[in-house]
Amino acid sequence: MNTRLKRLTKKEHEVLHWLKRGHSNKEIGEKLKRSPCTIKNHISSILQKLEAKDRRQAIIKLMDSARD
């Protein structure tokens, strides 16, 4: 696993899982029983840790790490 992915918390991995499937903050929040604002904070943290500029780039980095 990519060292950047290892930096993510369990909850951030869960959020990334749902992001990969194209869910909105609201939908992810409903699935994880968190507010959309909390999900937004998790996504901001994911982007920072993965050094990604947006959701799409974070998902690409996730997919690339699966190939390594």
Protein backbone atom coordinates (compact mmCIF):
# COMPACT_ATOMS: atom_id res chain seq x y z
CA MET A 1 0.00 0.00 0.00
CA ASN A 2 1.17 3.49 -0.83
CA THR A 3 2.74 5.25 2.17
CA ARG A 4 0.38 8.21 1.67
CA LEU A 5 -2.63 5.89 1.93
CA LYS A 6 -1.22 4.48 5.16
CA ARG A 7 -1.51 7.97 6.67
CA LEU A 8 -5.30 7.91 6.35
CA THR A 9 -7.44 7.10 9.36
CA LYS A 10 -9.97 4.27 9.28
CA LYS A 11 -12.79 6.79 8.81
CA GLU A 12 -10.92 8.53 5.98
CA HIS A 13 -10.53 5.16 4.24
CA GLU A 14 -14.29 4.64 4.58
CA VAL A 15 -15.00 8.07 3.11
CA LEU A 16 -12.57 7.40 0.24
CA HIS A 17 -14.36 4.10 -0.43
CA TRP A 18 -17.66 5.95 -0.96
CA LEU A 19 -15.99 8.78 -2.90
CA LYS A 20 -14.66 6.19 -5.32
CA ARG A 21 -18.24 5.09 -5.93
CA GLY A 22 -19.30 8.64 -6.81
CA HIS A 23 -21.32 9.50 -3.70
CA SER A 24 -21.89 13.09 -2.55
CA ASN A 25 -20.93 14.40 0.89
CA LYS A 26 -24.57 14.13 1.93
CA GLU A 27 -24.85 10.51 0.75
CA ILE A 28 -21.59 9.55 2.44
CA GLY A 29 -22.74 11.26 5.62
CA GLU A 30 -25.97 9.28 5.59
CA LYS A 31 -24.11 5.99 5.10
CA LEU A 32 -21.58 6.74 7.85
CA LYS A 33 -24.04 8.53 10.15
CA ARG A 34 -22.06 11.78 10.04
CA SER A 35 -22.99 15.29 8.94
CA PRO A 36 -22.04 16.45 5.44
CA CYS A 37 -19.80 19.05 7.10
CA THR A 38 -17.87 16.31 8.92
CA ILE A 39 -17.51 14.42 5.64
CA LYS A 40 -16.22 17.58 3.99
CA ASN A 41 -13.58 17.83 6.74
CA HIS A 42 -12.57 14.19 6.17
CA ILE A 43 -12.28 14.84 2.44
CA SER A 44 -10.10 17.90 3.04
CA SER A 45 -7.83 15.79 5.21
CA ILE A 46 -7.72 13.02 2.58
CA LEU A 47 -6.77 15.52 -0.13
CA GLN A 48 -4.02 16.98 2.02
CA LYS A 49 -2.58 13.59 3.02
CA LEU A 50 -2.68 12.23 -0.54
CA GLU A 51 -1.38 15.54 -1.96
CA ALA A 52 -4.38 15.62 -4.29
CA LYS A 53 -6.02 18.80 -5.55
CA ASP A 54 -9.53 17.36 -5.85
CA ARG A 55 -11.67 14.23 -5.37
CA ARG A 56 -10.91 12.94 -8.83
CA GLN A 57 -7.17 13.11 -8.26
CA ALA A 58 -7.53 11.39 -4.88
CA ILE A 59 -9.40 8.51 -6.54
CA ILE A 60 -6.75 8.27 -9.27
CA LYS A 61 -4.04 8.05 -6.61
CA LEU A 62 -6.04 5.34 -4.86
CA MET A 63 -6.39 3.36 -8.09
CA ASP A 64 -2.69 3.81 -8.92
CA SER A 65 -1.68 2.50 -5.51
CA ALA A 66 -3.76 -0.63 -6.07
CA ARG A 67 -1.62 -1.39 -9.13
CA ASP A 68 1.68 -1.05 -7.22
